[in-house]
Amino acid sequence: MAIDTREAYRRALDHFGALVHQIKPEHWGNQTPCVDWDVRALVNHVVGESRWASQLLAGRTVADVGDAFDGDLLGDDPVKAFDISATAAAQAVGGERSLTRVVHLSFGDVPGEEYVTELFADALIHTWDLARAIGADERLDPELVEACAIWSAYAKEGGDRQAAAAGEHRQAASDADPQARLLASWGRRG
């Protein structure tokens, strides 16, 4: 990845957060491009990922955390819940050892850099999902799109588990811009 993985994640999460702050009360029930998720469920997912990141990058295991992050994590103030979780995740990812430590996931141990890269890709693609759902500007940061496309191609080639979660690959037009190609590879129609 041409950009530092930690920086890519922070920027993607910041862009997602900027959109969270644009959500109006009537947006929370809007459908997103993610099957079965409305805006609230999508934000809840990203909050959950952020809360997991802060724990897993601190060395805890899935068993240690248990079901603490199941269910509704947004409560009565979804924006505040997002902000708190994003701050904790960004601090954990920005830590000196975040890329070199071993992260204990449900299926096994992975290098921290792999885990943070997956977090980055998830945050970036869900930024587009959220923008689409609330009618905001859908243009993603071109540098992050490029970094994600490189990683996605590598991950899909190797049968990475994140690639399996990306949705059915759609063929983008050969003249499509890089963002459209990336979104198509993640099963989105831009």
Protein backbone atom coordinates (compact mmCIF):
# COMPACT_ATOMS: atom_id res chain seq x y z
CA MET A 1 0.00 0.00 0.00
CA ALA A 2 1.51 3.34 -1.04
CA ILE A 3 0.02 5.16 1.95
CA ASP A 4 0.71 4.18 5.56
CA THR A 5 -1.97 1.69 6.62
CA ARG A 6 -2.68 3.52 9.86
CA GLU A 7 -3.06 6.84 8.04
CA ALA A 8 -5.37 5.25 5.45
CA TYR A 9 -7.60 3.85 8.20
CA ARG A 10 -7.70 7.12 10.11
CA ARG A 11 -8.64 9.07 7.00
CA ALA A 12 -11.33 6.59 5.96
CA LEU A 13 -12.79 6.59 9.47
CA ASP A 14 -12.70 10.40 9.55
CA HIS A 15 -14.61 10.57 6.26
CA PHE A 16 -17.19 8.11 7.56
CA GLY A 17 -17.49 10.20 10.73
CA ALA A 18 -18.04 13.38 8.76
CA LEU A 19 -21.01 11.68 7.12
CA VAL A 20 -22.31 10.41 10.47
CA HIS A 21 -22.45 14.05 11.55
CA GLN A 22 -24.58 14.82 8.47
CA ILE A 23 -27.25 12.23 9.27
CA LYS A 24 -30.63 13.82 9.83
CA PRO A 25 -33.29 12.18 12.00
CA GLU A 26 -35.19 11.04 8.92
CA HIS A 27 -32.07 9.31 7.49
CA TRP A 28 -31.62 6.66 10.20
CA GLY A 29 -34.16 4.31 8.63
CA ASN A 30 -32.91 4.76 5.04
CA GLN A 31 -31.81 1.60 3.25
CA THR A 32 -28.11 1.30 2.46
CA PRO A 33 -26.41 -0.63 -0.36
CA CYS A 34 -25.61 -3.28 2.28
CA VAL A 35 -28.27 -5.95 2.19
CA ASP A 36 -30.50 -5.88 5.26
CA TRP A 37 -28.88 -2.76 6.76
CA ASP A 38 -30.45 0.62 7.16
CA VAL A 39 -28.34 3.65 8.13
CA ARG A 40 -28.60 2.90 11.84
CA ALA A 41 -27.48 -0.71 11.35
CA LEU A 42 -24.56 0.40 9.16
CA VAL A 43 -23.36 2.95 11.72
CA ASN A 44 -23.84 0.35 14.46
CA HIS A 45 -21.64 -2.05 12.46
CA VAL A 46 -18.83 0.51 12.13
CA VAL A 47 -19.11 1.39 15.83
CA GLY A 48 -18.84 -2.32 16.63
CA GLU A 49 -15.78 -2.69 14.39
CA SER A 50 -14.19 0.30 16.10
CA ARG A 51 -14.89 -1.05 19.56
CA TRP A 52 -13.47 -4.43 18.58
CA ALA A 53 -10.37 -2.77 17.13
CA SER A 54 -9.54 -0.99 20.36
CA GLN A 55 -9.81 -4.27 22.26
CA LEU A 56 -8.09 -6.59 19.77
CA LEU A 57 -5.20 -4.21 19.19
CA ALA A 58 -4.72 -4.10 22.96
CA GLY A 59 -4.07 -7.85 22.87
CA ARG A 60 -7.46 -9.13 23.98
CA THR A 61 -9.02 -12.14 22.28
CA VAL A 62 -12.51 -12.65 20.94
CA ALA A 63 -13.18 -14.91 23.93
CA ASP A 64 -12.01 -12.17 26.30
CA VAL A 65 -14.48 -9.69 24.82
CA GLY A 66 -17.31 -12.19 24.45
CA ASP A 67 -20.66 -10.72 23.46
CA ALA A 68 -19.96 -7.23 24.83
CA PHE A 69 -20.45 -5.68 21.39
CA ASP A 70 -23.55 -7.57 20.31
CA GLY A 71 -26.78 -5.70 19.68
CA ASP A 72 -27.40 -1.98 19.64
CA LEU A 73 -24.25 0.00 20.43
CA LEU A 74 -25.68 3.40 19.47
CA GLY A 75 -28.17 4.01 22.26
CA ASP A 76 -29.96 7.35 22.38
CA ASP A 77 -27.06 9.31 20.88
CA PRO A 78 -25.69 7.48 17.82
CA VAL A 79 -23.38 10.32 16.80
CA LYS A 80 -21.74 10.42 20.24
CA ALA A 81 -21.44 6.61 20.24
CA PHE A 82 -19.67 6.81 16.90
CA ASP A 83 -17.33 9.59 18.02
CA ILE A 84 -16.29 7.75 21.18
CA SER A 85 -15.68 4.46 19.38
CA ALA A 86 -13.82 6.13 16.50
CA THR A 87 -11.52 8.00 18.88
CA ALA A 88 -10.67 4.77 20.72
CA ALA A 89 -10.08 2.87 17.48
CA ALA A 90 -7.91 5.61 15.98
CA GLN A 91 -5.79 5.68 19.15
CA ALA A 92 -5.41 1.89 19.09
CA VAL A 93 -4.51 1.82 15.39
CA GLY A 94 -2.10 4.72 15.82
CA GLY A 95 -0.20 2.89 18.51
CA GLU A 96 3.44 2.06 17.99
CA ARG A 97 2.87 -1.70 17.91
CA SER A 98 -0.47 -1.80 16.10
CA LEU A 99 0.97 -3.07 12.81
CA THR A 100 3.51 -5.49 14.27
CA ARG A 101 1.50 -7.13 17.02
CA VAL A 102 -0.42 -10.36 16.57
CA VAL A 103 -4.18 -9.86 16.57
CA HIS A 104 -6.27 -12.77 17.85
CA LEU A 105 -9.39 -13.10 15.68
CA SER A 106 -12.13 -15.73 15.81
CA PHE A 107 -10.54 -17.83 13.04
CA GLY A 108 -6.94 -17.42 14.16
CA ASP A 109 -4.09 -15.02 14.59
CA VAL A 110 -3.18 -12.40 11.98
CA PRO A 111 -0.54 -9.69 11.78
CA GLY A 112 -1.76 -6.31 12.99
CA GLU A 113 -1.08 -4.74 9.59
CA GLU A 114 -3.47 -7.19 7.91
CA TYR A 115 -6.18 -6.48 10.47
CA VAL A 116 -5.78 -2.70 10.21
CA THR A 117 -5.87 -2.93 6.40
CA GLU A 118 -9.15 -4.82 6.61
CA LEU A 119 -10.51 -2.16 8.96
CA PHE A 120 -9.44 0.50 6.47
CA ALA A 121 -11.14 -1.20 3.52
CA ASP A 122 -14.32 -1.75 5.54
CA ALA A 123 -14.44 1.91 6.63
CA LEU A 124 -13.78 3.18 3.11
CA ILE A 125 -16.44 1.07 1.39
CA HIS A 126 -18.97 1.81 4.13
CA THR A 127 -18.26 5.52 3.69
CA TRP A 128 -19.63 5.22 0.18
CA ASP A 129 -22.56 3.12 1.45
CA LEU A 130 -23.47 5.79 3.99
CA ALA A 131 -23.08 8.63 1.50
CA ARG A 132 -25.40 6.83 -0.93
CA ALA A 133 -27.98 6.15 1.78
CA ILE A 134 -28.19 9.76 3.02
CA GLY A 135 -27.83 11.48 -0.34
CA ALA A 136 -24.39 12.99 0.40
CA ASP A 137 -21.41 13.41 -1.91
CA GLU A 138 -20.31 9.88 -2.85
CA ARG A 139 -16.83 10.76 -4.08
CA LEU A 140 -14.17 8.94 -2.07
CA ASP A 141 -10.61 10.11 -1.52
CA PRO A 142 -8.77 9.00 -4.71
CA GLU A 143 -5.60 8.08 -2.81
CA LEU A 144 -7.60 5.83 -0.48
CA VAL A 145 -9.47 4.30 -3.44
CA GLU A 146 -6.16 3.43 -5.07
CA ALA A 147 -4.75 1.91 -1.87
CA CYS A 148 -7.90 -0.11 -1.28
CA ALA A 149 -8.00 -1.32 -4.89
CA ILE A 150 -4.44 -2.59 -4.66
CA TRP A 151 -5.14 -4.42 -1.41
CA SER A 152 -8.52 -5.74 -2.62
CA ALA A 153 -7.00 -7.21 -5.78
CA TYR A 154 -4.28 -8.88 -3.72
CA ALA A 155 -6.76 -10.16 -1.13
CA LYS A 156 -9.21 -11.53 -3.70
CA GLU A 157 -6.39 -13.24 -5.57
CA GLY A 158 -5.39 -15.01 -2.37
CA GLY A 159 -8.96 -15.92 -1.36
CA ASP A 160 -8.86 -13.58 1.62
CA ARG A 161 -11.85 -13.82 3.95
CA GLN A 162 -12.56 -10.08 3.59
CA ALA A 163 -12.99 -10.60 -0.14
CA ALA A 164 -15.70 -13.13 0.63
CA ALA A 165 -17.57 -10.55 2.70
CA ALA A 166 -17.38 -7.95 -0.03
CA GLY A 167 -20.46 -9.08 -1.89
CA GLU A 168 -20.86 -10.44 -5.36
CA HIS A 169 -18.27 -8.98 -7.70
CA ARG A 170 -19.83 -6.82 -10.39
CA GLN A 171 -18.10 -6.01 -13.63
CA ALA A 172 -17.44 -2.31 -14.05
CA ALA A 173 -17.17 -0.81 -17.49
CA SER A 174 -13.58 -0.88 -18.71
CA ASP A 175 -13.64 2.90 -18.96
CA ALA A 176 -15.06 3.31 -15.45
CA ASP A 177 -13.15 5.50 -13.06
CA PRO A 178 -11.07 3.84 -10.32
CA GLN A 179 -13.78 4.39 -7.69
CA ALA A 180 -16.44 2.73 -9.85
CA ARG A 181 -14.12 -0.23 -10.47
CA LEU A 182 -13.37 -0.56 -6.74
CA LEU A 183 -17.05 -0.37 -5.81
CA ALA A 184 -17.91 -2.98 -8.44
CA SER A 185 -15.26 -5.30 -7.03
CA TRP A 186 -17.03 -4.96 -3.67
CA GLY A 187 -20.43 -5.73 -5.18
CA ARG A 188 -21.61 -2.12 -5.30
CA ARG A 189 -23.16 -0.26 -8.21
CA GLY A 190 -21.87 3.28 -8.22
